[in-house]
Amino acid sequence: MTLASIGTQLAEYLSTLIYVYTLLIVLYIVIQLLFSLGVRPPYSRATDIVMGFLRDVCEPFLRLFRRFLPSFGGIDFSPLLAIFTLEIVNSVIVRGLLNG
């Protein structure tokens, strides 16, 4: 196995990991939006488990951006900034691993 193929595989793995994390953030935000609109079963253990998982995974990263970016009129722009940052990191790391 050559060093170039290891770098390529590592770049693909990191790219996939960032993509999945981005999808988790989007899913968390969409579910939060639906719950705020009142679309929620009265009591659902499965929903609570899914939301607990998404909250535990997404909130620490989103909290970093909420510290610096206040909400504007009740609209939280921290997920957009978080996803934008993930995409920039993805492009820099993948480009660096493939070219370096």
PDB file of N, CA and C in Angstrom:
ATOM      1  N   MET A   1       0.853  -1.171   0.000  1.00  0.00           N
ATOM      2  CA  MET A   1       0.000   0.000   0.000  1.00  0.00           C
ATOM      3  C   MET A   1       0.902   1.238   0.000  1.00  0.00           C
ATOM      4  N   THR A   2       0.679   2.120  -0.908  1.00  0.00           N
ATOM      5  CA  THR A   2       1.527   3.294  -1.022  1.00  0.00           C
ATOM      6  C   THR A   2       1.024   4.415  -0.134  1.00  0.00           C
ATOM      7  N   LEU A   3       1.907   5.364   0.073  1.00  0.00           N
ATOM      8  CA  LEU A   3       1.567   6.496   0.918  1.00  0.00           C
ATOM      9  C   LEU A   3       0.456   7.350   0.305  1.00  0.00           C
ATOM     10  N   ALA A   4       0.436   7.436  -1.028  1.00  0.00           N
ATOM     11  CA  ALA A   4      -0.597   8.221  -1.712  1.00  0.00           C
ATOM     12  C   ALA A   4      -1.978   7.607  -1.518  1.00  0.00           C
ATOM     13  N   SER A   5      -2.051   6.272  -1.562  1.00  0.00           N
ATOM     14  CA  SER A   5      -3.358   5.641  -1.387  1.00  0.00           C
ATOM     15  C   SER A   5      -3.838   5.752   0.060  1.00  0.00           C
ATOM     16  N   ILE A   6      -2.913   5.753   1.005  1.00  0.00           N
ATOM     17  CA  ILE A   6      -3.306   5.950   2.403  1.00  0.00           C
ATOM     18  C   ILE A   6      -3.848   7.362   2.588  1.00  0.00           C
ATOM     19  N   GLY A   7      -3.190   8.341   1.991  1.00  0.00           N
ATOM     20  CA  GLY A   7      -3.668   9.720   2.070  1.00  0.00           C
ATOM     21  C   GLY A   7      -5.025   9.886   1.420  1.00  0.00           C
ATOM     22  N   THR A   8      -5.226   9.208   0.290  1.00  0.00           N
ATOM     23  CA  THR A   8      -6.507   9.280  -0.404  1.00  0.00           C
ATOM     24  C   THR A   8      -7.619   8.652   0.440  1.00  0.00           C
ATOM     25  N   GLN A   9      -7.327   7.508   1.032  1.00  0.00           N
ATOM     26  CA  GLN A   9      -8.332   6.850   1.867  1.00  0.00           C
ATOM     27  C   GLN A   9      -8.647   7.670   3.108  1.00  0.00           C
ATOM     28  N   LEU A  10      -7.625   8.267   3.701  1.00  0.00           N
ATOM     29  CA  LEU A  10      -7.844   9.110   4.871  1.00  0.00           C
ATOM     30  C   LEU A  10      -8.658  10.344   4.504  1.00  0.00           C
ATOM     31  N   ALA A  11      -8.381  10.932   3.346  1.00  0.00           N
ATOM     32  CA  ALA A  11      -9.141  12.099   2.877  1.00  0.00           C
ATOM     33  C   ALA A  11     -10.602  11.722   2.635  1.00  0.00           C
ATOM     34  N   GLU A  12     -10.845  10.571   2.031  1.00  0.00           N
ATOM     35  CA  GLU A  12     -12.216  10.119   1.794  1.00  0.00           C
ATOM     36  C   GLU A  12     -12.937   9.849   3.112  1.00  0.00           C
ATOM     37  N   TYR A  13     -12.240   9.252   4.073  1.00  0.00           N
ATOM     38  CA  TYR A  13     -12.842   8.972   5.376  1.00  0.00           C
ATOM     39  C   TYR A  13     -13.227  10.269   6.088  1.00  0.00           C
ATOM     40  N   LEU A  14     -12.312  11.232   6.134  1.00  0.00           N
ATOM     41  CA  LEU A  14     -12.599  12.500   6.791  1.00  0.00           C
ATOM     42  C   LEU A  14     -13.714  13.262   6.076  1.00  0.00           C
ATOM     43  N   SER A  15     -13.711  13.216   4.760  1.00  0.00           N
ATOM     44  CA  SER A  15     -14.754  13.874   3.992  1.00  0.00           C
ATOM     45  C   SER A  15     -16.117  13.257   4.303  1.00  0.00           C
ATOM     46  N   THR A  16     -16.177  11.952   4.379  1.00  0.00           N
ATOM     47  CA  THR A  16     -17.422  11.255   4.701  1.00  0.00           C
ATOM     48  C   THR A  16     -17.867  11.565   6.127  1.00  0.00           C
ATOM     49  N   LEU A  17     -16.917  11.602   7.050  1.00  0.00           N
ATOM     50  CA  LEU A  17     -17.235  11.912   8.439  1.00  0.00           C
ATOM     51  C   LEU A  17     -17.816  13.320   8.573  1.00  0.00           C
ATOM     52  N   ILE A  18     -17.231  14.283   7.887  1.00  0.00           N
ATOM     53  CA  ILE A  18     -17.744  15.655   7.921  1.00  0.00           C
ATOM     54  C   ILE A  18     -19.107  15.732   7.259  1.00  0.00           C
ATOM     55  N   TYR A  19     -19.322  14.984   6.185  1.00  0.00           N
ATOM     56  CA  TYR A  19     -20.618  14.961   5.505  1.00  0.00           C
ATOM     57  C   TYR A  19     -21.708  14.402   6.428  1.00  0.00           C
ATOM     58  N   VAL A  20     -21.409  13.315   7.119  1.00  0.00           N
ATOM     59  CA  VAL A  20     -22.387  12.709   8.029  1.00  0.00           C
ATOM     60  C   VAL A  20     -22.696  13.661   9.186  1.00  0.00           C
ATOM     61  N   TYR A  21     -21.676  14.318   9.711  1.00  0.00           N
ATOM     62  CA  TYR A  21     -21.901  15.263  10.804  1.00  0.00           C
ATOM     63  C   TYR A  21     -22.752  16.443  10.332  1.00  0.00           C
ATOM     64  N   THR A  22     -22.526  16.897   9.113  1.00  0.00           N
ATOM     65  CA  THR A  22     -23.340  17.964   8.545  1.00  0.00           C
ATOM     66  C   THR A  22     -24.801  17.515   8.422  1.00  0.00           C
ATOM     67  N   LEU A  23     -25.011  16.291   7.979  1.00  0.00           N
ATOM     68  CA  LEU A  23     -26.383  15.768   7.890  1.00  0.00           C
ATOM     69  C   LEU A  23     -27.040  15.674   9.265  1.00  0.00           C
ATOM     70  N   LEU A  24     -26.272  15.290  10.276  1.00  0.00           N
ATOM     71  CA  LEU A  24     -26.825  15.224  11.631  1.00  0.00           C
ATOM     72  C   LEU A  24     -27.242  16.611  12.122  1.00  0.00           C
ATOM     73  N   ILE A  25     -26.444  17.627  11.820  1.00  0.00           N
ATOM     74  CA  ILE A  25     -26.805  18.991  12.215  1.00  0.00           C
ATOM     75  C   ILE A  25     -28.079  19.429  11.508  1.00  0.00           C
ATOM     76  N   VAL A  26     -28.174  19.151  10.214  1.00  0.00           N
ATOM     77  CA  VAL A  26     -29.383  19.522   9.456  1.00  0.00           C
ATOM     78  C   VAL A  26     -30.602  18.793  10.017  1.00  0.00           C
ATOM     79  N   LEU A  27     -30.475  17.509  10.298  1.00  0.00           N
ATOM     80  CA  LEU A  27     -31.582  16.738  10.863  1.00  0.00           C
ATOM     81  C   LEU A  27     -31.993  17.293  12.228  1.00  0.00           C
ATOM     82  N   TYR A  28     -31.030  17.648  13.052  1.00  0.00           N
ATOM     83  CA  TYR A  28     -31.314  18.210  14.365  1.00  0.00           C
ATOM     84  C   TYR A  28     -32.084  19.523  14.245  1.00  0.00           C
ATOM     85  N   ILE A  29     -31.670  20.372  13.328  1.00  0.00           N
ATOM     86  CA  ILE A  29     -32.326  21.663  13.153  1.00  0.00           C
ATOM     87  C   ILE A  29     -33.744  21.485  12.604  1.00  0.00           C
ATOM     88  N   VAL A  30     -33.920  20.574  11.652  1.00  0.00           N
ATOM     89  CA  VAL A  30     -35.254  20.346  11.076  1.00  0.00           C
ATOM     90  C   VAL A  30     -36.203  19.778  12.135  1.00  0.00           C
ATOM     91  N   ILE A  31     -35.727  18.840  12.927  1.00  0.00           N
ATOM     92  CA  ILE A  31     -36.588  18.270  13.969  1.00  0.00           C
ATOM     93  C   ILE A  31     -36.916  19.322  15.025  1.00  0.00           C
ATOM     94  N   GLN A  32     -35.926  20.146  15.395  1.00  0.00           N
ATOM     95  CA  GLN A  32     -36.193  21.226  16.345  1.00  0.00           C
ATOM     96  C   GLN A  32     -37.254  22.184  15.793  1.00  0.00           C
ATOM     97  N   LEU A  33     -37.164  22.496  14.513  1.00  0.00           N
ATOM     98  CA  LEU A  33     -38.136  23.386  13.877  1.00  0.00           C
ATOM     99  C   LEU A  33     -39.531  22.770  13.886  1.00  0.00           C
ATOM    100  N   LEU A  34     -39.616  21.496  13.553  1.00  0.00           N
ATOM    101  CA  LEU A  34     -40.919  20.822  13.575  1.00  0.00           C
ATOM    102  C   LEU A  34     -41.506  20.795  14.979  1.00  0.00           C
ATOM    103  N   PHE A  35     -40.672  20.540  15.985  1.00  0.00           N
ATOM    104  CA  PHE A  35     -41.159  20.523  17.364  1.00  0.00           C
ATOM    105  C   PHE A  35     -41.624  21.904  17.794  1.00  0.00           C
ATOM    106  N   SER A  36     -40.940  22.950  17.340  1.00  0.00           N
ATOM    107  CA  SER A  36     -41.359  24.294  17.727  1.00  0.00           C
ATOM    108  C   SER A  36     -42.673  24.683  17.057  1.00  0.00           C
ATOM    109  N   LEU A  37     -42.992  24.050  15.926  1.00  0.00           N
ATOM    110  CA  LEU A  37     -44.267  24.295  15.253  1.00  0.00           C
ATOM    111  C   LEU A  37     -45.398  23.437  15.808  1.00  0.00           C
ATOM    112  N   GLY A  38     -45.084  22.549  16.744  1.00  0.00           N
ATOM    113  CA  GLY A  38     -46.103  21.748  17.393  1.00  0.00           C
ATOM    114  C   GLY A  38     -46.303  20.374  16.795  1.00  0.00           C
ATOM    115  N   VAL A  39     -45.444  19.965  15.892  1.00  0.00           N
ATOM    116  CA  VAL A  39     -45.553  18.640  15.283  1.00  0.00           C
ATOM    117  C   VAL A  39     -44.725  17.677  16.120  1.00  0.00           C
ATOM    118  N   ARG A  40     -45.353  17.136  17.160  1.00  0.00           N
ATOM    119  CA  ARG A  40     -44.656  16.207  18.038  1.00  0.00           C
ATOM    120  C   ARG A  40     -45.667  15.250  18.637  1.00  0.00           C
ATOM    121  N   PRO A  41     -45.341  13.981  18.641  1.00  0.00           N
ATOM    122  CA  PRO A  41     -46.249  13.040  19.310  1.00  0.00           C
ATOM    123  C   PRO A  41     -46.301  13.347  20.807  1.00  0.00           C
ATOM    124  N   PRO A  42     -47.431  13.078  21.451  1.00  0.00           N
ATOM    125  CA  PRO A  42     -47.578  13.429  22.868  1.00  0.00           C
ATOM    126  C   PRO A  42     -46.465  12.840  23.736  1.00  0.00           C
ATOM    127  N   TYR A  43     -46.179  11.575  23.574  1.00  0.00           N
ATOM    128  CA  TYR A  43     -45.054  10.967  24.279  1.00  0.00           C
ATOM    129  C   TYR A  43     -44.542   9.849  23.403  1.00  0.00           C
ATOM    130  N   SER A  44     -43.333   9.958  23.023  1.00  0.00           N
ATOM    131  CA  SER A  44     -42.735   8.921  22.197  1.00  0.00           C
ATOM    132  C   SER A  44     -41.313   8.684  22.688  1.00  0.00           C
ATOM    133  N   ARG A  45     -41.087   7.502  23.190  1.00  0.00           N
ATOM    134  CA  ARG A  45     -39.749   7.166  23.706  1.00  0.00           C
ATOM    135  C   ARG A  45     -38.714   7.197  22.590  1.00  0.00           C
ATOM    136  N   ALA A  46     -39.092   6.737  21.394  1.00  0.00           N
ATOM    137  CA  ALA A  46     -38.155   6.725  20.271  1.00  0.00           C
ATOM    138  C   ALA A  46     -37.759   8.157  19.879  1.00  0.00           C
ATOM    139  N   THR A  47     -38.722   9.057  19.872  1.00  0.00           N
ATOM    140  CA  THR A  47     -38.432  10.454  19.549  1.00  0.00           C
ATOM    141  C   THR A  47     -37.506  11.069  20.584  1.00  0.00           C
ATOM    142  N   ASP A  48     -37.744  10.771  21.855  1.00  0.00           N
ATOM    143  CA  ASP A  48     -36.882  11.291  22.908  1.00  0.00           C
ATOM    144  C   ASP A  48     -35.459  10.749  22.794  1.00  0.00           C
ATOM    145  N   ILE A  49     -35.330   9.489  22.411  1.00  0.00           N
ATOM    146  CA  ILE A  49     -34.004   8.894  22.258  1.00  0.00           C
ATOM    147  C   ILE A  49     -33.267   9.528  21.085  1.00  0.00           C
ATOM    148  N   VAL A  50     -33.957   9.697  19.962  1.00  0.00           N
ATOM    149  CA  VAL A  50     -33.340  10.310  18.785  1.00  0.00           C
ATOM    150  C   VAL A  50     -32.936  11.752  19.083  1.00  0.00           C
ATOM    151  N   MET A  51     -33.823  12.516  19.705  1.00  0.00           N
ATOM    152  CA  MET A  51     -33.507  13.911  20.024  1.00  0.00           C
ATOM    153  C   MET A  51     -32.390  14.007  21.053  1.00  0.00           C
ATOM    154  N   GLY A  52     -32.352  13.099  21.997  1.00  0.00           N
ATOM    155  CA  GLY A  52     -31.262  13.089  22.974  1.00  0.00           C
ATOM    156  C   GLY A  52     -29.920  12.821  22.298  1.00  0.00           C
ATOM    157  N   PHE A  53     -29.908  11.876  21.374  1.00  0.00           N
ATOM    158  CA  PHE A  53     -28.676  11.579  20.635  1.00  0.00           C
ATOM    159  C   PHE A  53     -28.241  12.781  19.807  1.00  0.00           C
ATOM    160  N   LEU A  54     -29.174  13.364  19.049  1.00  0.00           N
ATOM    161  CA  LEU A  54     -28.831  14.512  18.206  1.00  0.00           C
ATOM    162  C   LEU A  54     -28.377  15.710  19.042  1.00  0.00           C
ATOM    163  N   ARG A  55     -29.016  15.913  20.174  1.00  0.00           N
ATOM    164  CA  ARG A  55     -28.633  17.018  21.057  1.00  0.00           C
ATOM    165  C   ARG A  55     -27.221  16.793  21.604  1.00  0.00           C
ATOM    166  N   ASP A  56     -26.936  15.574  22.032  1.00  0.00           N
ATOM    167  CA  ASP A  56     -25.610  15.271  22.579  1.00  0.00           C
ATOM    168  C   ASP A  56     -24.512  15.386  21.531  1.00  0.00           C
ATOM    169  N   VAL A  57     -24.838  15.086  20.289  1.00  0.00           N
ATOM    170  CA  VAL A  57     -23.841  15.122  19.225  1.00  0.00           C
ATOM    171  C   VAL A  57     -23.665  16.523  18.652  1.00  0.00           C
ATOM    172  N   CYS A  58     -24.744  17.248  18.469  1.00  0.00           N
ATOM    173  CA  CYS A  58     -24.703  18.529  17.746  1.00  0.00           C
ATOM    174  C   CYS A  58     -24.502  19.747  18.637  1.00  0.00           C
ATOM    175  N   GLU A  59     -25.072  19.760  19.802  1.00  0.00           N
ATOM    176  CA  GLU A  59     -25.047  20.962  20.642  1.00  0.00           C
ATOM    177  C   GLU A  59     -23.647  21.430  21.031  1.00  0.00           C
ATOM    178  N   PRO A  60     -22.717  20.550  21.397  1.00  0.00           N
ATOM    179  CA  PRO A  60     -21.390  21.075  21.754  1.00  0.00           C
ATOM    180  C   PRO A  60     -20.726  21.860  20.611  1.00  0.00           C
ATOM    181  N   PHE A  61     -20.875  21.397  19.387  1.00  0.00           N
ATOM    182  CA  PHE A  61     -20.288  22.097  18.248  1.00  0.00           C
ATOM    183  C   PHE A  61     -21.045  23.386  17.947  1.00  0.00           C
ATOM    184  N   LEU A  62     -22.370  23.345  18.008  1.00  0.00           N
ATOM    185  CA  LEU A  62     -23.169  24.542  17.736  1.00  0.00           C
ATOM    186  C   LEU A  62     -22.980  25.599  18.823  1.00  0.00           C
ATOM    187  N   ARG A  63     -22.728  25.158  20.045  1.00  0.00           N
ATOM    188  CA  ARG A  63     -22.529  26.090  21.152  1.00  0.00           C
ATOM    189  C   ARG A  63     -21.295  26.968  20.935  1.00  0.00           C
ATOM    190  N   LEU A  64     -20.286  26.430  20.257  1.00  0.00           N
ATOM    191  CA  LEU A  64     -19.100  27.228  19.932  1.00  0.00           C
ATOM    192  C   LEU A  64     -19.470  28.459  19.118  1.00  0.00           C
ATOM    193  N   PHE A  65     -20.378  28.295  18.174  1.00  0.00           N
ATOM    194  CA  PHE A  65     -20.773  29.401  17.307  1.00  0.00           C
ATOM    195  C   PHE A  65     -21.807  30.309  17.961  1.00  0.00           C
ATOM    196  N   ARG A  66     -22.609  29.766  18.854  1.00  0.00           N
ATOM    197  CA  ARG A  66     -23.612  30.584  19.536  1.00  0.00           C
ATOM    198  C   ARG A  66     -22.966  31.572  20.503  1.00  0.00           C
ATOM    199  N   ARG A  67     -21.765  31.243  20.979  1.00  0.00           N
ATOM    200  CA  ARG A  67     -21.055  32.169  21.854  1.00  0.00           C
ATOM    201  C   ARG A  67     -20.684  33.453  21.131  1.00  0.00           C
ATOM    202  N   PHE A  68     -20.324  33.329  19.861  1.00  0.00           N
ATOM    203  CA  PHE A  68     -19.848  34.475  19.095  1.00  0.00           C
ATOM    204  C   PHE A  68     -20.928  35.120  18.237  1.00  0.00           C
ATOM    205  N   LEU A  69     -21.973  34.378  17.923  1.00  0.00           N
ATOM    206  CA  LEU A  69     -23.004  34.871  17.018  1.00  0.00           C
ATOM    207  C   LEU A  69     -24.352  34.872  17.734  1.00  0.00           C
ATOM    208  N   PRO A  70     -24.828  36.029  18.159  1.00  0.00           N
ATOM    209  CA  PRO A  70     -26.118  36.058  18.854  1.00  0.00           C
ATOM    210  C   PRO A  70     -27.261  35.807  17.874  1.00  0.00           C
ATOM    211  N   SER A  71     -28.404  35.414  18.426  1.00  0.00           N
ATOM    212  CA  SER A  71     -29.569  35.210  17.563  1.00  0.00           C
ATOM    213  C   SER A  71     -30.162  36.566  17.191  1.00  0.00           C
ATOM    214  N   PHE A  72     -30.648  36.648  15.978  1.00  0.00           N
ATOM    215  CA  PHE A  72     -31.222  37.885  15.464  1.00  0.00           C
ATOM    216  C   PHE A  72     -32.729  37.724  15.355  1.00  0.00           C
ATOM    217  N   GLY A  73     -33.450  38.323  16.269  1.00  0.00           N
ATOM    218  CA  GLY A  73     -34.905  38.269  16.229  1.00  0.00           C
ATOM    219  C   GLY A  73     -35.455  36.858  16.373  1.00  0.00           C
ATOM    220  N   GLY A  74     -34.812  36.047  17.171  1.00  0.00           N
ATOM    221  CA  GLY A  74     -35.271  34.678  17.370  1.00  0.00           C
ATOM    222  C   GLY A  74     -34.783  33.693  16.336  1.00  0.00           C
ATOM    223  N   ILE A  75     -34.001  34.147  15.369  1.00  0.00           N
ATOM    224  CA  ILE A  75     -33.456  33.257  14.342  1.00  0.00           C
ATOM    225  C   ILE A  75     -32.012  32.942  14.703  1.00  0.00           C
ATOM    226  N   ASP A  76     -31.698  31.672  14.745  1.00  0.00           N
ATOM    227  CA  ASP A  76     -30.363  31.214  15.120  1.00  0.00           C
ATOM    228  C   ASP A  76     -29.566  30.907  13.851  1.00  0.00           C
ATOM    229  N   PHE A  77     -28.542  31.680  13.605  1.00  0.00           N
ATOM    230  CA  PHE A  77     -27.708  31.479  12.424  1.00  0.00           C
ATOM    231  C   PHE A  77     -26.481  30.606  12.699  1.00  0.00           C
ATOM    232  N   SER A  78     -26.332  30.123  13.919  1.00  0.00           N
ATOM    233  CA  SER A  78     -25.157  29.321  14.251  1.00  0.00           C
ATOM    234  C   SER A  78     -25.083  28.013  13.458  1.00  0.00           C
ATOM    235  N   PRO A  79     -26.196  27.322  13.137  1.00  0.00           N
ATOM    236  CA  PRO A  79     -26.067  26.122  12.316  1.00  0.00           C
ATOM    237  C   PRO A  79     -25.540  26.417  10.910  1.00  0.00           C
ATOM    238  N   LEU A  80     -25.945  27.544  10.338  1.00  0.00           N
ATOM    239  CA  LEU A  80     -25.429  27.895   9.013  1.00  0.00           C
ATOM    240  C   LEU A  80     -23.938  28.151   9.064  1.00  0.00           C
ATOM    241  N   LEU A  81     -23.500  28.870  10.083  1.00  0.00           N
ATOM    242  CA  LEU A  81     -22.075  29.142  10.229  1.00  0.00           C
ATOM    243  C   LEU A  81     -21.299  27.858  10.520  1.00  0.00           C
ATOM    244  N   ALA A  82     -21.892  26.963  11.305  1.00  0.00           N
ATOM    245  CA  ALA A  82     -21.240  25.690  11.617  1.00  0.00           C
ATOM    246  C   ALA A  82     -21.076  24.834  10.365  1.00  0.00           C
ATOM    247  N   ILE A  83     -22.120  24.756   9.555  1.00  0.00           N
ATOM    248  CA  ILE A  83     -22.048  23.959   8.327  1.00  0.00           C
ATOM    249  C   ILE A  83     -21.065  24.587   7.347  1.00  0.00           C
ATOM    250  N   PHE A  84     -21.076  25.897   7.253  1.00  0.00           N
ATOM    251  CA  PHE A  84     -20.131  26.596   6.376  1.00  0.00           C
ATOM    252  C   PHE A  84     -18.689  26.327   6.823  1.00  0.00           C
ATOM    253  N   THR A  85     -18.450  26.354   8.128  1.00  0.00           N
ATOM    254  CA  THR A  85     -17.126  26.064   8.665  1.00  0.00           C
ATOM    255  C   THR A  85     -16.721  24.624   8.386  1.00  0.00           C
ATOM    256  N   LEU A  86     -17.647  23.696   8.543  1.00  0.00           N
ATOM    257  CA  LEU A  86     -17.345  22.295   8.243  1.00  0.00           C
ATOM    258  C   LEU A  86     -16.966  22.108   6.776  1.00  0.00           C
ATOM    259  N   GLU A  87     -17.663  22.793   5.890  1.00  0.00           N
ATOM    260  CA  GLU A  87     -17.349  22.677   4.465  1.00  0.00           C
ATOM    261  C   GLU A  87     -15.977  23.269   4.137  1.00  0.00           C
ATOM    262  N   ILE A  88     -15.629  24.368   4.781  1.00  0.00           N
ATOM    263  CA  ILE A  88     -14.303  24.949   4.566  1.00  0.00           C
ATOM    264  C   ILE A  88     -13.219  24.008   5.086  1.00  0.00           C
ATOM    265  N   VAL A  89     -13.416  23.472   6.284  1.00  0.00           N
ATOM    266  CA  VAL A  89     -12.450  22.532   6.848  1.00  0.00           C
ATOM    267  C   VAL A  89     -12.344  21.294   5.965  1.00  0.00           C
ATOM    268  N   ASN A  90     -13.464  20.835   5.455  1.00  0.00           N
ATOM    269  CA  ASN A  90     -13.471  19.670   4.569  1.00  0.00           C
ATOM    270  C   ASN A  90     -12.632  19.936   3.328  1.00  0.00           C
ATOM    271  N   SER A  91     -12.848  21.066   2.708  1.00  0.00           N
ATOM    272  CA  SER A  91     -12.107  21.346   1.478  1.00  0.00           C
ATOM    273  C   SER A  91     -10.622  21.545   1.755  1.00  0.00           C
ATOM    274  N   VAL A  92     -10.266  22.196   2.854  1.00  0.00           N
ATOM    275  CA  VAL A  92      -8.853  22.422   3.179  1.00  0.00           C
ATOM    276  C   VAL A  92      -8.159  21.114   3.526  1.00  0.00           C
ATOM    277  N   ILE A  93      -8.775  20.290   4.359  1.00  0.00           N
ATOM    278  CA  ILE A  93      -8.140  19.043   4.786  1.00  0.00           C
ATOM    279  C   ILE A  93      -8.034  18.070   3.623  1.00  0.00           C
ATOM    280  N   VAL A  94      -9.107  17.903   2.876  1.00  0.00           N
ATOM    281  CA  VAL A  94      -9.086  16.948   1.772  1.00  0.00           C
ATOM    282  C   VAL A  94      -8.063  17.391   0.718  1.00  0.00           C
ATOM    283  N   ARG A  95      -8.062  18.667   0.399  1.00  0.00           N
ATOM    284  CA  ARG A  95      -7.092  19.185  -0.574  1.00  0.00           C
ATOM    285  C   ARG A  95      -5.673  19.000  -0.055  1.00  0.00           C
ATOM    286  N   GLY A  96      -5.477  19.239   1.232  1.00  0.00           N
ATOM    287  CA  GLY A  96      -4.148  19.085   1.832  1.00  0.00           C
ATOM    288  C   GLY A  96      -3.686  17.647   1.847  1.00  0.00           C
ATOM    289  N   LEU A  97      -4.590  16.712   2.121  1.00  0.00           N
ATOM    290  CA  LEU A  97      -4.204  15.303   2.137  1.00  0.00           C
ATOM    291  C   LEU A  97      -3.973  14.757   0.734  1.00  0.00           C
ATOM    292  N   LEU A  98      -4.757  15.226  -0.214  1.00  0.00           N
ATOM    293  CA  LEU A  98      -4.603  14.728  -1.584  1.00  0.00           C
ATOM    294  C   LEU A  98      -3.379  15.314  -2.258  1.00  0.00           C
ATOM    295  N   ASN A  99      -3.072  16.570  -1.983  1.00  0.00           N
ATOM    296  CA  ASN A  99      -1.932  17.211  -2.642  1.00  0.00           C
ATOM    297  C   ASN A  99      -0.648  17.116  -1.848  1.00  0.00           C
ATOM    298  N   GLY A 100      -0.770  16.895  -0.538  1.00  0.00           N
ATOM    299  CA  GLY A 100       0.427  16.905   0.304  1.00  0.00           C
ATOM    300  C   GLY A 100       0.996  15.563   0.428  1.00  0.00           C
TER     301      GLY A 100
END
